[in-house]
Amino acid sequence: MKDAEVNQLHRLADRPASQRKIADILTAARVEFFANGFSAATIEAIAARAQVSKVTVYSWFKDKENLFGQVVQTEVAHMRENFMPENLAEKSLRDILLYAALGMLDFLLREDRVRLERILAAEMTRDPAIGKMFLKNGPLRMAEGLKALLRASVEKGEIHSDDLEASAEMFAGLVMGRMDLLLRYGHKIKMTTADKEKRAKRAVDAWMLIHQP
């Protein structure tokens, strides 16, 4: 797609009708990808579900790979917003991490997310690029957001970390533990709101203790 065409699409995307159409496509794509995985989902099915033409889908998202990436980014966008360094001006790091931990647990326990990861794991044996797309647009974007938040907190003297990559990984590990692995292989986990709050608090408090200045 030429630069002039891309610029024209960006201008059109500011229109309410275009925004609704893009949202409809993303919603339809989410349903197809989460139900069928990347390989089995088709632009035709997505377009039909969104009630638009295939040409419209391609004009906004170029190809199925880019559309998949946008769907994954949309799924994690809210949680990634929690990690904006600007949030430290209004909230303590502990409060930010507690809220983020609860969001991670809610996301982790969603049945459609578990189903998607199982499908993607099977598809990766045929096409490793599928796994790379998912990681790039989901978990790795989340990790980059968390590292930016932690870097800002270190600069303010609130915490100490000589390895932000390890600190971000540790946070996710303390929150999720073995749950991700257990869910992927069919283990059923039910958690009440109180259970999630208790787990989130325990994880964040342990992380904060390790990273105290």
Protein backbone atom coordinates (compact mmCIF):
# COMPACT_ATOMS: atom_id res chain seq x y z
CA MET A 1 0.00 0.00 0.00
CA LYS A 2 1.40 3.38 -1.00
CA ASP A 3 2.06 6.16 1.51
CA ALA A 4 -0.62 8.36 -0.03
CA GLU A 5 -3.18 5.57 0.38
CA VAL A 6 -2.14 5.01 4.00
CA ASN A 7 -2.48 8.71 4.75
CA GLN A 8 -5.92 8.73 3.17
CA LEU A 9 -6.99 5.79 5.35
CA HIS A 10 -5.74 7.58 8.45
CA ARG A 11 -7.82 10.62 7.58
CA LEU A 12 -10.88 8.48 6.97
CA ALA A 13 -10.34 6.64 10.26
CA ASP A 14 -11.15 9.85 12.13
CA ARG A 15 -14.71 9.74 10.87
CA PRO A 16 -17.30 8.21 13.26
CA ALA A 17 -18.65 5.90 10.56
CA SER A 18 -15.16 4.61 9.83
CA GLN A 19 -14.42 4.13 13.53
CA ARG A 20 -17.56 2.05 13.92
CA LYS A 21 -16.62 -0.04 10.89
CA ILE A 22 -13.11 -0.66 12.21
CA ALA A 23 -14.54 -1.61 15.62
CA ASP A 24 -16.98 -4.03 13.94
CA ILE A 25 -14.15 -5.67 12.02
CA LEU A 26 -12.00 -6.03 15.13
CA THR A 27 -14.93 -7.50 17.08
CA ALA A 28 -15.67 -9.98 14.30
CA ALA A 29 -11.99 -10.89 13.97
CA ARG A 30 -11.72 -11.45 17.71
CA VAL A 31 -14.61 -13.93 17.63
CA GLU A 32 -13.14 -15.81 14.66
CA PHE A 33 -9.56 -15.93 15.94
CA PHE A 34 -10.50 -16.88 19.49
CA ALA A 35 -12.89 -19.57 18.29
CA ASN A 36 -10.87 -21.04 15.44
CA GLY A 37 -7.27 -19.90 15.85
CA PHE A 38 -5.20 -18.05 13.29
CA SER A 39 -5.00 -20.62 10.50
CA ALA A 40 -8.67 -21.59 10.32
CA ALA A 41 -10.01 -18.03 10.60
CA THR A 42 -10.58 -16.43 7.20
CA ILE A 43 -10.97 -12.87 5.99
CA GLU A 44 -14.19 -14.00 4.29
CA ALA A 45 -15.70 -15.18 7.58
CA ILE A 46 -14.54 -12.07 9.39
CA ALA A 47 -15.96 -9.79 6.72
CA ALA A 48 -19.29 -11.64 6.75
CA ARG A 49 -19.53 -11.45 10.53
CA ALA A 50 -18.70 -7.71 10.47
CA GLN A 51 -21.13 -7.20 7.57
CA VAL A 52 -18.52 -5.53 5.37
CA SER A 53 -16.76 -6.55 2.18
CA LYS A 54 -13.42 -8.36 2.04
CA VAL A 55 -12.03 -5.32 0.28
CA THR A 56 -12.96 -3.18 3.27
CA VAL A 57 -11.14 -5.50 5.67
CA TYR A 58 -8.04 -5.54 3.48
CA SER A 59 -8.12 -1.76 3.03
CA TRP A 60 -8.00 -1.17 6.78
CA PHE A 61 -5.79 -4.03 7.92
CA LYS A 62 -3.76 -5.02 4.82
CA ASP A 63 -3.65 -8.77 5.62
CA LYS A 64 -4.73 -11.41 8.12
CA GLU A 65 -1.42 -11.22 10.00
CA ASN A 66 -1.82 -7.50 10.69
CA LEU A 67 -5.46 -7.97 11.67
CA PHE A 68 -4.49 -10.72 14.12
CA GLY A 69 -1.85 -8.46 15.62
CA GLN A 70 -4.37 -5.66 16.07
CA VAL A 71 -6.83 -8.00 17.78
CA VAL A 72 -4.18 -9.19 20.25
CA GLN A 73 -3.06 -5.61 20.89
CA THR A 74 -6.66 -4.59 21.57
CA GLU A 75 -7.02 -7.44 24.06
CA VAL A 76 -4.07 -6.25 26.15
CA ALA A 77 -4.51 -2.50 25.58
CA HIS A 78 -6.40 -1.86 28.82
CA MET A 79 -3.89 -3.72 30.96
CA ARG A 80 -1.00 -2.01 29.18
CA GLU A 81 -2.52 1.39 30.02
CA ASN A 82 -2.04 0.50 33.69
CA PHE A 83 1.70 0.56 33.13
CA MET A 84 1.94 4.12 31.82
CA PRO A 85 4.68 5.92 33.82
CA GLU A 86 2.36 8.95 34.05
CA ASN A 87 0.16 6.94 36.42
CA LEU A 88 2.82 7.33 39.12
CA ALA A 89 1.82 10.99 39.47
CA GLU A 90 -1.56 9.95 40.89
CA LYS A 91 -1.06 6.48 42.35
CA SER A 92 1.61 4.56 44.22
CA LEU A 93 3.45 1.83 42.36
CA ARG A 94 1.94 -0.75 44.72
CA ASP A 95 -1.61 0.36 43.89
CA ILE A 96 -0.85 0.29 40.17
CA LEU A 97 0.60 -3.21 40.40
CA LEU A 98 -2.33 -4.46 42.50
CA TYR A 99 -4.82 -3.26 39.90
CA ALA A 100 -2.70 -4.72 37.11
CA ALA A 101 -2.40 -8.07 38.90
CA LEU A 102 -6.17 -8.35 39.23
CA GLY A 103 -6.55 -7.57 35.53
CA MET A 104 -4.00 -10.22 34.66
CA LEU A 105 -5.85 -12.83 36.71
CA ASP A 106 -9.18 -11.95 35.11
CA PHE A 107 -7.60 -12.25 31.65
CA LEU A 108 -5.72 -15.44 32.51
CA LEU A 109 -8.88 -17.25 33.62
CA ARG A 110 -10.98 -16.39 30.58
CA GLU A 111 -12.01 -19.58 28.81
CA ASP A 112 -11.70 -18.06 25.34
CA ARG A 113 -8.11 -16.98 26.04
CA VAL A 114 -7.20 -20.48 27.21
CA ARG A 115 -8.80 -21.97 24.11
CA LEU A 116 -6.92 -19.58 21.81
CA GLU A 117 -3.56 -20.38 23.38
CA ARG A 118 -4.18 -24.11 23.01
CA ILE A 119 -5.03 -23.68 19.33
CA LEU A 120 -2.02 -21.44 18.72
CA ALA A 121 0.28 -23.93 20.45
CA ALA A 122 -0.87 -26.63 18.01
CA GLU A 123 -0.54 -24.29 15.01
CA MET A 124 3.01 -23.32 15.94
CA THR A 125 4.30 -26.78 15.05
CA ARG A 126 3.32 -26.01 11.45
CA ASP A 127 4.14 -22.30 11.41
CA PRO A 128 6.35 -20.87 14.19
CA ALA A 129 5.64 -17.35 12.91
CA ILE A 130 2.16 -17.56 14.44
CA GLY A 131 3.62 -17.81 17.93
CA LYS A 132 5.98 -14.93 17.24
CA MET A 133 3.05 -12.75 16.11
CA PHE A 134 1.13 -13.52 19.29
CA LEU A 135 4.09 -12.86 21.57
CA LYS A 136 5.08 -9.66 19.79
CA ASN A 137 1.62 -8.11 19.99
CA GLY A 138 0.58 -9.49 23.38
CA PRO A 139 2.95 -10.63 26.15
CA LEU A 140 6.03 -8.78 24.87
CA ARG A 141 4.12 -5.50 24.50
CA MET A 142 2.86 -5.94 28.03
CA ALA A 143 6.38 -6.56 29.28
CA GLU A 144 7.70 -3.43 27.56
CA GLY A 145 4.95 -1.36 29.18
CA LEU A 146 5.72 -2.78 32.60
CA LYS A 147 9.46 -2.15 32.17
CA ALA A 148 8.76 1.50 31.30
CA LEU A 149 6.72 1.88 34.50
CA LEU A 150 9.40 0.21 36.62
CA ARG A 151 12.13 2.33 35.03
CA ALA A 152 10.23 5.49 36.01
CA SER A 153 9.77 4.17 39.56
CA VAL A 154 13.49 3.37 39.85
CA GLU A 155 14.36 6.89 38.68
CA LYS A 156 12.08 8.30 41.40
CA GLY A 157 13.88 6.20 44.00
CA GLU A 158 10.76 4.21 44.94
CA ILE A 159 12.21 0.80 44.12
CA HIS A 160 15.54 -0.77 43.25
CA SER A 161 16.20 -2.99 40.24
CA ASP A 162 19.42 -3.67 38.39
CA ASP A 163 17.60 -5.79 35.79
CA LEU A 164 14.23 -4.45 34.65
CA GLU A 165 13.67 -7.43 32.35
CA ALA A 166 14.02 -9.85 35.26
CA SER A 167 11.89 -7.64 37.53
CA ALA A 168 9.05 -7.51 35.01
CA GLU A 169 9.25 -11.27 34.46
CA MET A 170 9.24 -11.85 38.20
CA PHE A 171 6.07 -9.81 38.63
CA ALA A 172 4.21 -11.86 36.03
CA GLY A 173 5.54 -15.08 37.55
CA LEU A 174 4.45 -14.18 41.07
CA VAL A 175 0.95 -13.28 39.87
CA MET A 176 0.40 -16.27 37.58
CA GLY A 177 2.55 -18.94 39.20
CA ARG A 178 1.76 -22.27 37.54
CA MET A 179 -1.80 -21.31 36.67
CA ASP A 180 -1.04 -20.58 33.01
CA LEU A 181 0.52 -24.02 32.55
CA LEU A 182 -2.26 -25.82 34.42
CA LEU A 183 -5.01 -24.09 32.45
CA ARG A 184 -3.33 -24.81 29.13
CA TYR A 185 -3.40 -28.52 29.85
CA GLY A 186 -7.01 -28.70 30.93
CA HIS A 187 -6.91 -28.11 34.67
CA LYS A 188 -9.99 -26.24 35.90
CA ILE A 189 -9.36 -23.26 38.18
CA LYS A 190 -12.16 -21.32 39.81
CA MET A 191 -11.36 -18.17 41.76
CA THR A 192 -13.72 -15.83 43.56
CA THR A 193 -13.11 -12.10 43.65
CA ALA A 194 -11.75 -12.52 47.18
CA ASP A 195 -9.40 -15.28 45.97
CA LYS A 196 -8.04 -13.04 43.23
CA GLU A 197 -7.58 -10.11 45.59
CA LYS A 198 -5.71 -12.31 48.08
CA ARG A 199 -3.44 -13.73 45.37
CA ALA A 200 -2.77 -10.30 43.84
CA LYS A 201 -1.92 -8.77 47.21
CA ARG A 202 0.43 -11.62 48.12
CA ALA A 203 2.22 -11.38 44.75
CA VAL A 204 2.59 -7.60 44.83
CA ASP A 205 3.73 -7.49 48.45
CA ALA A 206 6.38 -10.15 47.77
CA TRP A 207 7.55 -8.27 44.68
CA MET A 208 7.70 -4.93 46.51
CA LEU A 209 9.69 -6.49 49.36
CA ILE A 210 12.30 -7.83 46.95
CA HIS A 211 12.58 -4.48 45.16
CA GLN A 212 12.64 -2.14 48.13
CA PRO A 213 15.37 0.55 47.76
